[in-house]
PDB file of all heavy atoms in Angstrom:
ATOM      1  N   ARG A   1       0.823  -1.196   0.000  1.00  0.00           N
ATOM      2  CA  ARG A   1       0.000   0.000   0.000  1.00  0.00           C
ATOM      3  C   ARG A   1       0.863   1.254   0.000  1.00  0.00           C
ATOM      4  O   ARG A   1       1.941   1.267   0.551  1.00  0.00           O
ATOM      5  CB  ARG A   1      -0.916   0.029   1.232  1.00  0.00           C
ATOM      6  CG  ARG A   1      -2.028  -1.007   1.220  1.00  0.00           C
ATOM      7  CD  ARG A   1      -2.839  -0.903   2.501  1.00  0.00           C
ATOM      8  NE  ARG A   1      -3.933  -1.859   2.548  1.00  0.00           N
ATOM      9  CZ  ARG A   1      -5.159  -1.592   2.142  1.00  0.00           C
ATOM     10  NH1 ARG A   1      -5.439  -0.403   1.655  1.00  0.00           N
ATOM     11  NH2 ARG A   1      -6.112  -2.500   2.216  1.00  0.00           N
ATOM     12  N   CYS A   2       0.321   2.313  -0.605  1.00  0.00           N
ATOM     13  CA  CYS A   2       1.021   3.592  -0.588  1.00  0.00           C
ATOM     14  C   CYS A   2       0.606   4.467   0.584  1.00  0.00           C
ATOM     15  O   CYS A   2       1.258   5.468   0.859  1.00  0.00           O
ATOM     16  CB  CYS A   2       0.753   4.356  -1.884  1.00  0.00           C
ATOM     17  SG  CYS A   2       1.477   3.588  -3.350  1.00  0.00           S
ATOM     18  N   GLU A   3      -0.505   4.132   1.246  1.00  0.00           N
ATOM     19  CA  GLU A   3      -0.970   4.975   2.335  1.00  0.00           C
ATOM     20  C   GLU A   3       0.076   5.037   3.446  1.00  0.00           C
ATOM     21  O   GLU A   3       0.654   4.018   3.814  1.00  0.00           O
ATOM     22  CB  GLU A   3      -2.291   4.450   2.900  1.00  0.00           C
ATOM     23  CG  GLU A   3      -3.493   4.738   2.040  1.00  0.00           C
ATOM     24  CD  GLU A   3      -3.595   3.817   0.836  1.00  0.00           C
ATOM     25  OE1 GLU A   3      -2.960   2.742   0.877  1.00  0.00           O
ATOM     26  OE2 GLU A   3      -4.269   4.161  -0.126  1.00  0.00           O
ATOM     27  N   PRO A   4       0.296   6.224   4.006  1.00  0.00           N
ATOM     28  CA  PRO A   4       1.262   6.347   5.095  1.00  0.00           C
ATOM     29  C   PRO A   4       0.808   5.569   6.334  1.00  0.00           C
ATOM     30  O   PRO A   4      -0.387   5.429   6.602  1.00  0.00           O
ATOM     31  CB  PRO A   4       1.285   7.856   5.385  1.00  0.00           C
ATOM     32  CG  PRO A   4       0.730   8.491   4.153  1.00  0.00           C
ATOM     33  CD  PRO A   4      -0.257   7.530   3.600  1.00  0.00           C
ATOM     34  N   ASP A   5       1.775   5.069   7.070  1.00  0.00           N
ATOM     35  CA  ASP A   5       1.542   4.432   8.359  1.00  0.00           C
ATOM     36  C   ASP A   5       2.078   5.359   9.442  1.00  0.00           C
ATOM     37  O   ASP A   5       2.692   6.388   9.152  1.00  0.00           O
ATOM     38  CB  ASP A   5       2.242   3.072   8.406  1.00  0.00           C
ATOM     39  CG  ASP A   5       1.869   2.203   7.216  1.00  0.00           C
ATOM     40  OD1 ASP A   5       0.687   1.895   7.064  1.00  0.00           O
ATOM     41  OD2 ASP A   5       2.769   1.856   6.425  1.00  0.00           O
ATOM     42  N   ALA A   6       1.843   4.999  10.700  1.00  0.00           N
ATOM     43  CA  ALA A   6       2.309   5.841  11.799  1.00  0.00           C
ATOM     44  C   ALA A   6       2.708   4.984  12.984  1.00  0.00           C
ATOM     45  O   ALA A   6       2.202   3.875  13.168  1.00  0.00           O
ATOM     46  CB  ALA A   6       1.222   6.843  12.211  1.00  0.00           C
ATOM     47  N   LEU A   7       3.621   5.514  13.756  1.00  0.00           N
ATOM     48  CA  LEU A   7       4.011   4.913  15.027  1.00  0.00           C
ATOM     49  C   LEU A   7       3.839   5.963  16.102  1.00  0.00           C
ATOM     50  O   LEU A   7       4.335   7.092  15.965  1.00  0.00           O
ATOM     51  CB  LEU A   7       5.470   4.439  14.987  1.00  0.00           C
ATOM     52  CG  LEU A   7       5.755   3.229  14.104  1.00  0.00           C
ATOM     53  CD1 LEU A   7       7.244   3.083  13.888  1.00  0.00           C
ATOM     54  CD2 LEU A   7       5.189   1.973  14.728  1.00  0.00           C
ATOM     55  N   ALA A   8       3.119   5.614  17.164  1.00  0.00           N
ATOM     56  CA  ALA A   8       2.870   6.531  18.271  1.00  0.00           C
ATOM     57  C   ALA A   8       3.550   5.990  19.512  1.00  0.00           C
ATOM     58  O   ALA A   8       3.218   4.891  19.981  1.00  0.00           O
ATOM     59  CB  ALA A   8       1.369   6.686  18.501  1.00  0.00           C
ATOM     60  N   ALA A   9       4.518   6.736  20.042  1.00  0.00           N
ATOM     61  CA  ALA A   9       5.250   6.317  21.233  1.00  0.00           C
ATOM     62  C   ALA A   9       4.540   6.823  22.473  1.00  0.00           C
ATOM     63  O   ALA A   9       4.209   8.005  22.577  1.00  0.00           O
ATOM     64  CB  ALA A   9       6.681   6.853  21.192  1.00  0.00           C
ATOM     65  N   GLY A  10       4.309   5.901  23.416  1.00  0.00           N
ATOM     66  CA  GLY A  10       3.645   6.282  24.650  1.00  0.00           C
ATOM     67  C   GLY A  10       3.750   5.163  25.664  1.00  0.00           C
ATOM     68  O   GLY A  10       4.552   4.235  25.520  1.00  0.00           O
ATOM     69  N   SER A  11       2.932   5.218  26.710  1.00  0.00           N
ATOM     70  CA  SER A  11       2.953   4.164  27.722  1.00  0.00           C
ATOM     71  C   SER A  11       2.595   2.821  27.119  1.00  0.00           C
ATOM     72  O   SER A  11       3.035   1.771  27.600  1.00  0.00           O
ATOM     73  CB  SER A  11       1.999   4.507  28.862  1.00  0.00           C
ATOM     74  OG  SER A  11       0.670   4.678  28.366  1.00  0.00           O
ATOM     75  N   GLU A  12       1.794   2.838  26.053  1.00  0.00           N
ATOM     76  CA  GLU A  12       1.574   1.655  25.213  1.00  0.00           C
ATOM     77  C   GLU A  12       1.691   2.104  23.772  1.00  0.00           C
ATOM     78  O   GLU A  12       0.741   2.634  23.194  1.00  0.00           O
ATOM     79  CB  GLU A  12       0.204   1.019  25.481  1.00  0.00           C
ATOM     80  CG  GLU A  12      -0.042  -0.250  24.680  1.00  0.00           C
ATOM     81  CD  GLU A  12       1.054  -1.299  24.839  1.00  0.00           C
ATOM     82  OE1 GLU A  12       1.112  -1.906  25.923  1.00  0.00           O
ATOM     83  OE2 GLU A  12       1.853  -1.484  23.894  1.00  0.00           O
ATOM     84  N   SER A  13       2.882   1.945  23.200  1.00  0.00           N
ATOM     85  CA  SER A  13       3.132   2.423  21.838  1.00  0.00           C
ATOM     86  C   SER A  13       2.351   1.593  20.833  1.00  0.00           C
ATOM     87  O   SER A  13       2.154   0.389  21.018  1.00  0.00           O
ATOM     88  CB  SER A  13       4.627   2.367  21.521  1.00  0.00           C
ATOM     89  OG  SER A  13       5.361   3.131  22.451  1.00  0.00           O
ATOM     90  N   LEU A  14       1.921   2.260  19.764  1.00  0.00           N
ATOM     91  CA  LEU A  14       1.092   1.612  18.761  1.00  0.00           C
ATOM     92  C   LEU A  14       1.692   1.761  17.376  1.00  0.00           C
ATOM     93  O   LEU A  14       2.230   2.820  17.027  1.00  0.00           O
ATOM     94  CB  LEU A  14      -0.318   2.216  18.746  1.00  0.00           C
ATOM     95  CG  LEU A  14      -1.141   2.121  20.026  1.00  0.00           C
ATOM     96  CD1 LEU A  14      -2.466   2.847  19.839  1.00  0.00           C
ATOM     97  CD2 LEU A  14      -1.382   0.671  20.408  1.00  0.00           C
ATOM     98  N   ALA A  15       1.586   0.698  16.574  1.00  0.00           N
ATOM     99  CA  ALA A  15       1.819   0.777  15.135  1.00  0.00           C
ATOM    100  C   ALA A  15       0.460   0.950  14.477  1.00  0.00           C
ATOM    101  O   ALA A  15      -0.438   0.128  14.678  1.00  0.00           O
ATOM    102  CB  ALA A  15       2.513  -0.481  14.632  1.00  0.00           C
ATOM    103  N   LEU A  16       0.305   2.037  13.715  1.00  0.00           N
ATOM    104  CA  LEU A  16      -0.960   2.346  13.063  1.00  0.00           C
ATOM    105  C   LEU A  16      -0.837   2.092  11.570  1.00  0.00           C
ATOM    106  O   LEU A  16       0.062   2.626  10.913  1.00  0.00           O
ATOM    107  CB  LEU A  16      -1.356   3.802  13.316  1.00  0.00           C
ATOM    108  CG  LEU A  16      -1.486   4.217  14.782  1.00  0.00           C
ATOM    109  CD1 LEU A  16      -1.835   5.695  14.881  1.00  0.00           C
ATOM    110  CD2 LEU A  16      -2.526   3.368  15.496  1.00  0.00           C
ATOM    111  N   HIS A  17      -1.732   1.270  11.048  1.00  0.00           N
ATOM    112  CA  HIS A  17      -1.726   0.919   9.626  1.00  0.00           C
ATOM    113  C   HIS A  17      -2.562   1.930   8.856  1.00  0.00           C
ATOM    114  O   HIS A  17      -3.694   2.228   9.221  1.00  0.00           O
ATOM    115  CB  HIS A  17      -2.289  -0.490   9.446  1.00  0.00           C
ATOM    116  CG  HIS A  17      -2.424  -0.905   8.016  1.00  0.00           C
ATOM    117  ND1 HIS A  17      -1.338  -1.191   7.227  1.00  0.00           N
ATOM    118  CD2 HIS A  17      -3.516  -1.066   7.230  1.00  0.00           C
ATOM    119  CE1 HIS A  17      -1.746  -1.532   6.021  1.00  0.00           C
ATOM    120  NE2 HIS A  17      -3.059  -1.458   5.995  1.00  0.00           N
ATOM    121  N   GLY A  18      -2.015   2.446   7.785  1.00  0.00           N
ATOM    122  CA  GLY A  18      -2.710   3.452   7.001  1.00  0.00           C
ATOM    123  C   GLY A  18      -3.667   2.839   5.995  1.00  0.00           C
ATOM    124  O   GLY A  18      -3.262   2.050   5.138  1.00  0.00           O
ATOM    125  N   GLU A  19      -4.930   3.195   6.100  1.00  0.00           N
ATOM    126  CA  GLU A  19      -5.953   2.871   5.110  1.00  0.00           C
ATOM    127  C   GLU A  19      -6.182   4.115   4.249  1.00  0.00           C
ATOM    128  O   GLU A  19      -5.656   5.192   4.555  1.00  0.00           O
ATOM    129  CB  GLU A  19      -7.240   2.448   5.811  1.00  0.00           C
ATOM    130  CG  GLU A  19      -7.095   1.258   6.753  1.00  0.00           C
ATOM    131  CD  GLU A  19      -6.893  -0.062   6.018  1.00  0.00           C
ATOM    132  OE1 GLU A  19      -7.092  -0.078   4.779  1.00  0.00           O
ATOM    133  OE2 GLU A  19      -6.536  -1.060   6.664  1.00  0.00           O
ATOM    134  N   PRO A  20      -6.989   4.006   3.168  1.00  0.00           N
ATOM    135  CA  PRO A  20      -7.186   5.180   2.307  1.00  0.00           C
ATOM    136  C   PRO A  20      -7.693   6.421   3.032  1.00  0.00           C
ATOM    137  O   PRO A  20      -7.324   7.541   2.690  1.00  0.00           O
ATOM    138  CB  PRO A  20      -8.198   4.674   1.273  1.00  0.00           C
ATOM    139  CG  PRO A  20      -7.916   3.211   1.178  1.00  0.00           C
ATOM    140  CD  PRO A  20      -7.555   2.786   2.563  1.00  0.00           C
ATOM    141  N   ASP A  21      -8.518   6.265   4.074  1.00  0.00           N
ATOM    142  CA  ASP A  21      -9.077   7.433   4.742  1.00  0.00           C
ATOM    143  C   ASP A  21      -8.903   7.414   6.250  1.00  0.00           C
ATOM    144  O   ASP A  21      -9.484   8.258   6.942  1.00  0.00           O
ATOM    145  CB  ASP A  21     -10.575   7.561   4.422  1.00  0.00           C
ATOM    146  CG  ASP A  21     -10.824   7.805   2.946  1.00  0.00           C
ATOM    147  OD1 ASP A  21     -10.208   8.728   2.386  1.00  0.00           O
ATOM    148  OD2 ASP A  21     -11.624   7.058   2.346  1.00  0.00           O
ATOM    149  N   ALA A  22      -8.138   6.467   6.786  1.00  0.00           N
ATOM    150  CA  ALA A  22      -8.030   6.377   8.241  1.00  0.00           C
ATOM    151  C   ALA A  22      -6.833   5.515   8.625  1.00  0.00           C
ATOM    152  O   ALA A  22      -6.252   4.805   7.792  1.00  0.00           O
ATOM    153  CB  ALA A  22      -9.310   5.793   8.831  1.00  0.00           C
ATOM    154  N   PHE A  23      -6.474   5.579   9.902  1.00  0.00           N
ATOM    155  CA  PHE A  23      -5.473   4.705  10.489  1.00  0.00           C
ATOM    156  C   PHE A  23      -6.171   3.682  11.379  1.00  0.00           C
ATOM    157  O   PHE A  23      -7.130   4.016  12.085  1.00  0.00           O
ATOM    158  CB  PHE A  23      -4.472   5.498  11.342  1.00  0.00           C
ATOM    159  CG  PHE A  23      -3.561   6.395  10.562  1.00  0.00           C
ATOM    160  CD1 PHE A  23      -3.863   7.730  10.377  1.00  0.00           C
ATOM    161  CD2 PHE A  23      -2.381   5.901  10.015  1.00  0.00           C
ATOM    162  CE1 PHE A  23      -3.014   8.566   9.670  1.00  0.00           C
ATOM    163  CE2 PHE A  23      -1.523   6.721   9.298  1.00  0.00           C
ATOM    164  CZ  PHE A  23      -1.842   8.055   9.129  1.00  0.00           C
ATOM    165  N   THR A  24      -5.686   2.456  11.348  1.00  0.00           N
ATOM    166  CA  THR A  24      -6.181   1.418  12.239  1.00  0.00           C
ATOM    167  C   THR A  24      -5.013   0.856  13.045  1.00  0.00           C
ATOM    168  O   THR A  24      -3.865   0.895  12.600  1.00  0.00           O
ATOM    169  CB  THR A  24      -6.865   0.284  11.470  1.00  0.00           C
ATOM    170  OG1 THR A  24      -5.917  -0.302  10.554  1.00  0.00           O
ATOM    171  CG2 THR A  24      -8.066   0.799  10.690  1.00  0.00           C
ATOM    172  N   VAL A  25      -5.307   0.325  14.232  1.00  0.00           N
ATOM    173  CA  VAL A  25      -4.261  -0.223  15.079  1.00  0.00           C
ATOM    174  C   VAL A  25      -3.794  -1.547  14.497  1.00  0.00           C
ATOM    175  O   VAL A  25      -4.581  -2.475  14.283  1.00  0.00           O
ATOM    176  CB  VAL A  25      -4.768  -0.415  16.515  1.00  0.00           C
ATOM    177  CG1 VAL A  25      -3.690  -1.080  17.362  1.00  0.00           C
ATOM    178  CG2 VAL A  25      -5.164   0.928  17.122  1.00  0.00           C
ATOM    179  N   GLU A  26      -2.496  -1.644  14.232  1.00  0.00           N
ATOM    180  CA  GLU A  26      -1.909  -2.873  13.705  1.00  0.00           C
ATOM    181  C   GLU A  26      -1.246  -3.703  14.794  1.00  0.00           C
ATOM    182  O   GLU A  26      -1.379  -4.929  14.826  1.00  0.00           O
ATOM    183  CB  GLU A  26      -0.878  -2.536  12.629  1.00  0.00           C
ATOM    184  CG  GLU A  26      -0.168  -3.765  12.074  1.00  0.00           C
ATOM    185  CD  GLU A  26       0.973  -3.418  11.150  1.00  0.00           C
ATOM    186  OE1 GLU A  26       1.397  -2.246  11.135  1.00  0.00           O
ATOM    187  OE2 GLU A  26       1.457  -4.334  10.451  1.00  0.00           O
ATOM    188  N   ALA A  27      -0.486  -3.047  15.683  1.00  0.00           N
ATOM    189  CA  ALA A  27       0.256  -3.789  16.699  1.00  0.00           C
ATOM    190  C   ALA A  27       0.516  -2.895  17.900  1.00  0.00           C
ATOM    191  O   ALA A  27       0.595  -1.667  17.782  1.00  0.00           O
ATOM    192  CB  ALA A  27       1.577  -4.301  16.129  1.00  0.00           C
ATOM    193  N   MET A  28       0.646  -3.540  19.071  1.00  0.00           N
ATOM    194  CA  MET A  28       1.036  -2.857  20.295  1.00  0.00           C
ATOM    195  C   MET A  28       2.505  -3.158  20.546  1.00  0.00           C
ATOM    196  O   MET A  28       2.934  -4.312  20.483  1.00  0.00           O
ATOM    197  CB  MET A  28       0.147  -3.293  21.452  1.00  0.00           C
ATOM    198  CG  MET A  28      -1.334  -3.069  21.173  1.00  0.00           C
ATOM    199  SD  MET A  28      -2.435  -3.595  22.511  1.00  0.00           S
ATOM    200  CE  MET A  28      -2.141  -2.291  23.699  1.00  0.00           C
ATOM    201  N   LEU A  29       3.292  -2.120  20.844  1.00  0.00           N
ATOM    202  CA  LEU A  29       4.746  -2.241  20.840  1.00  0.00           C
ATOM    203  C   LEU A  29       5.386  -2.000  22.195  1.00  0.00           C
ATOM    204  O   LEU A  29       6.616  -1.951  22.284  1.00  0.00           O
ATOM    205  CB  LEU A  29       5.327  -1.258  19.817  1.00  0.00           C
ATOM    206  CG  LEU A  29       4.772  -1.358  18.390  1.00  0.00           C
ATOM    207  CD1 LEU A  29       5.344  -0.249  17.523  1.00  0.00           C
ATOM    208  CD2 LEU A  29       5.058  -2.720  17.784  1.00  0.00           C
ATOM    209  N   GLY A  30       4.620  -1.858  23.254  1.00  0.00           N
ATOM    210  CA  GLY A  30       5.196  -1.624  24.569  1.00  0.00           C
ATOM    211  C   GLY A  30       5.486  -0.158  24.823  1.00  0.00           C
ATOM    212  O   GLY A  30       5.211   0.714  23.998  1.00  0.00           O
ATOM    213  N   ALA A  31       6.054   0.126  25.968  1.00  0.00           N
ATOM    214  CA  ALA A  31       6.287   1.508  26.383  1.00  0.00           C
ATOM    215  C   ALA A  31       7.478   2.118  25.654  1.00  0.00           C
ATOM    216  O   ALA A  31       8.514   1.469  25.462  1.00  0.00           O
ATOM    217  CB  ALA A  31       6.523   1.567  27.891  1.00  0.00           C
ATOM    218  N   ALA A  32       7.334   3.368  25.252  1.00  0.00           N
ATOM    219  CA  ALA A  32       8.421   4.133  24.629  1.00  0.00           C
ATOM    220  C   ALA A  32       8.123   5.609  24.783  1.00  0.00           C
ATOM    221  O   ALA A  32       6.961   6.017  24.883  1.00  0.00           O
ATOM    222  CB  ALA A  32       8.580   3.769  23.164  1.00  0.00           C
ATOM    223  N   ASN A  33       9.158   6.426  24.788  1.00  0.00           N
ATOM    224  CA  ASN A  33       8.968   7.871  24.876  1.00  0.00           C
ATOM    225  C   ASN A  33       9.310   8.604  23.590  1.00  0.00           C
ATOM    226  O   ASN A  33       8.980   9.777  23.438  1.00  0.00           O
ATOM    227  CB  ASN A  33       9.810   8.450  26.017  1.00  0.00           C
ATOM    228  CG  ASN A  33      11.297   8.280  25.762  1.00  0.00           C
ATOM    229  OD1 ASN A  33      11.817   7.191  25.973  1.00  0.00           O
ATOM    230  ND2 ASN A  33      11.981   9.327  25.318  1.00  0.00           N
ATOM    231  N   ASP A  34       9.948   7.913  22.641  1.00  0.00           N
ATOM    232  CA  ASP A  34      10.285   8.548  21.369  1.00  0.00           C
ATOM    233  C   ASP A  34      10.343   7.475  20.295  1.00  0.00           C
ATOM    234  O   ASP A  34      10.571   6.285  20.581  1.00  0.00           O
ATOM    235  CB  ASP A  34      11.626   9.281  21.461  1.00  0.00           C
ATOM    236  CG  ASP A  34      11.762  10.391  20.421  1.00  0.00           C
ATOM    237  OD1 ASP A  34      10.839  10.572  19.605  1.00  0.00           O
ATOM    238  OD2 ASP A  34      12.791  11.087  20.424  1.00  0.00           O
ATOM    239  N   VAL A  35      10.133   7.886  19.047  1.00  0.00           N
ATOM    240  CA  VAL A  35      10.148   6.945  17.934  1.00  0.00           C
ATOM    241  C   VAL A  35      10.542   7.687  16.662  1.00  0.00           C
ATOM    242  O   VAL A  35      10.185   8.852  16.466  1.00  0.00           O
ATOM    243  CB  VAL A  35       8.770   6.270  17.751  1.00  0.00           C
ATOM    244  CG1 VAL A  35       7.674   7.308  17.480  1.00  0.00           C
ATOM    245  CG2 VAL A  35       8.793   5.221  16.652  1.00  0.00           C
ATOM    246  N   VAL A  36      11.320   7.023  15.817  1.00  0.00           N
ATOM    247  CA  VAL A  36      11.682   7.543  14.503  1.00  0.00           C
ATOM    248  C   VAL A  36      11.611   6.405  13.498  1.00  0.00           C
ATOM    249  O   VAL A  36      11.621   5.227  13.869  1.00  0.00           O
ATOM    250  CB  VAL A  36      13.103   8.154  14.481  1.00  0.00           C
ATOM    251  CG1 VAL A  36      13.158   9.401  15.354  1.00  0.00           C
ATOM    252  CG2 VAL A  36      14.149   7.145  14.930  1.00  0.00           C
ATOM    253  N   MET A  37      11.533   6.740  12.216  1.00  0.00           N
ATOM    254  CA  MET A  37      11.608   5.760  11.139  1.00  0.00           C
ATOM    255  C   MET A  37      12.818   6.075  10.275  1.00  0.00           C
ATOM    256  O   MET A  37      13.039   7.225   9.899  1.00  0.00           O
ATOM    257  CB  MET A  37      10.342   5.766  10.295  1.00  0.00           C
ATOM    258  CG  MET A  37       9.123   5.175  10.958  1.00  0.00           C
ATOM    259  SD  MET A  37       7.771   4.986   9.776  1.00  0.00           S
ATOM    260  CE  MET A  37       6.424   4.573  10.865  1.00  0.00           C
ATOM    261  N   ILE A  38      13.590   5.034   9.962  1.00  0.00           N
ATOM    262  CA  ILE A  38      14.781   5.176   9.131  1.00  0.00           C
ATOM    263  C   ILE A  38      15.159   3.790   8.631  1.00  0.00           C
ATOM    264  O   ILE A  38      14.869   2.780   9.289  1.00  0.00           O
ATOM    265  CB  ILE A  38      15.944   5.807   9.940  1.00  0.00           C
ATOM    266  CG1 ILE A  38      17.122   6.156   9.026  1.00  0.00           C
ATOM    267  CG2 ILE A  38      16.364   4.910  11.088  1.00  0.00           C
ATOM    268  CD1 ILE A  38      18.223   6.958   9.734  1.00  0.00           C
ATOM    269  N   ASP A  39      15.766   3.709   7.480  1.00  0.00           N
ATOM    270  CA  ASP A  39      16.285   2.439   6.966  1.00  0.00           C
ATOM    271  C   ASP A  39      17.620   2.160   7.654  1.00  0.00           C
ATOM    272  O   ASP A  39      18.685   2.426   7.116  1.00  0.00           O
ATOM    273  CB  ASP A  39      16.450   2.524   5.445  1.00  0.00           C
ATOM    274  CG  ASP A  39      16.934   1.222   4.831  1.00  0.00           C
ATOM    275  OD1 ASP A  39      16.993   0.191   5.545  1.00  0.00           O
ATOM    276  OD2 ASP A  39      17.265   1.231   3.629  1.00  0.00           O
ATOM    277  N   LEU A  40      17.545   1.612   8.864  1.00  0.00           N
ATOM    278  CA  LEU A  40      18.736   1.511   9.706  1.00  0.00           C
ATOM    279  C   LEU A  40      19.769   0.564   9.119  1.00  0.00           C
ATOM    280  O   LEU A  40      20.976   0.811   9.208  1.00  0.00           O
ATOM    281  CB  LEU A  40      18.338   1.065  11.111  1.00  0.00           C
ATOM    282  CG  LEU A  40      19.422   1.191  12.182  1.00  0.00           C
ATOM    283  CD1 LEU A  40      19.808   2.645  12.395  1.00  0.00           C
ATOM    284  CD2 LEU A  40      18.965   0.564  13.497  1.00  0.00           C
ATOM    285  N   ASP A  41      19.326  -0.558   8.525  1.00  0.00           N
ATOM    286  CA  ASP A  41      20.272  -1.533   7.969  1.00  0.00           C
ATOM    287  C   ASP A  41      20.502  -1.338   6.478  1.00  0.00           C
ATOM    288  O   ASP A  41      21.167  -2.154   5.837  1.00  0.00           O
ATOM    289  CB  ASP A  41      19.808  -2.959   8.255  1.00  0.00           C
ATOM    290  CG  ASP A  41      18.392  -3.220   7.750  1.00  0.00           C
ATOM    291  OD1 ASP A  41      17.727  -2.259   7.291  1.00  0.00           O
ATOM    292  OD2 ASP A  41      17.940  -4.367   7.842  1.00  0.00           O
ATOM    293  N   GLU A  42      19.906  -0.287   5.905  1.00  0.00           N
ATOM    294  CA  GLU A  42      20.156   0.113   4.513  1.00  0.00           C
ATOM    295  C   GLU A  42      19.863  -1.013   3.514  1.00  0.00           C
ATOM    296  O   GLU A  42      20.596  -1.208   2.547  1.00  0.00           O
ATOM    297  CB  GLU A  42      21.595   0.612   4.374  1.00  0.00           C
ATOM    298  CG  GLU A  42      21.885   1.829   5.235  1.00  0.00           C
ATOM    299  CD  GLU A  42      23.332   1.925   5.646  1.00  0.00           C
ATOM    300  OE1 GLU A  42      24.190   1.486   4.884  1.00  0.00           O
ATOM    301  OE2 GLU A  42      23.603   2.422   6.758  1.00  0.00           O
TER     302      GLU A  42
END
């Protein structure tokens, strides 16, 4: 899919899957205070 996804860092961090008009919860990732996206292993 081309729709953007999102990651929300918090007491229960969430991976949000992008649909054409909305985000849905994909996965729970545990506690975090910050999050970034990058191709770390290139």
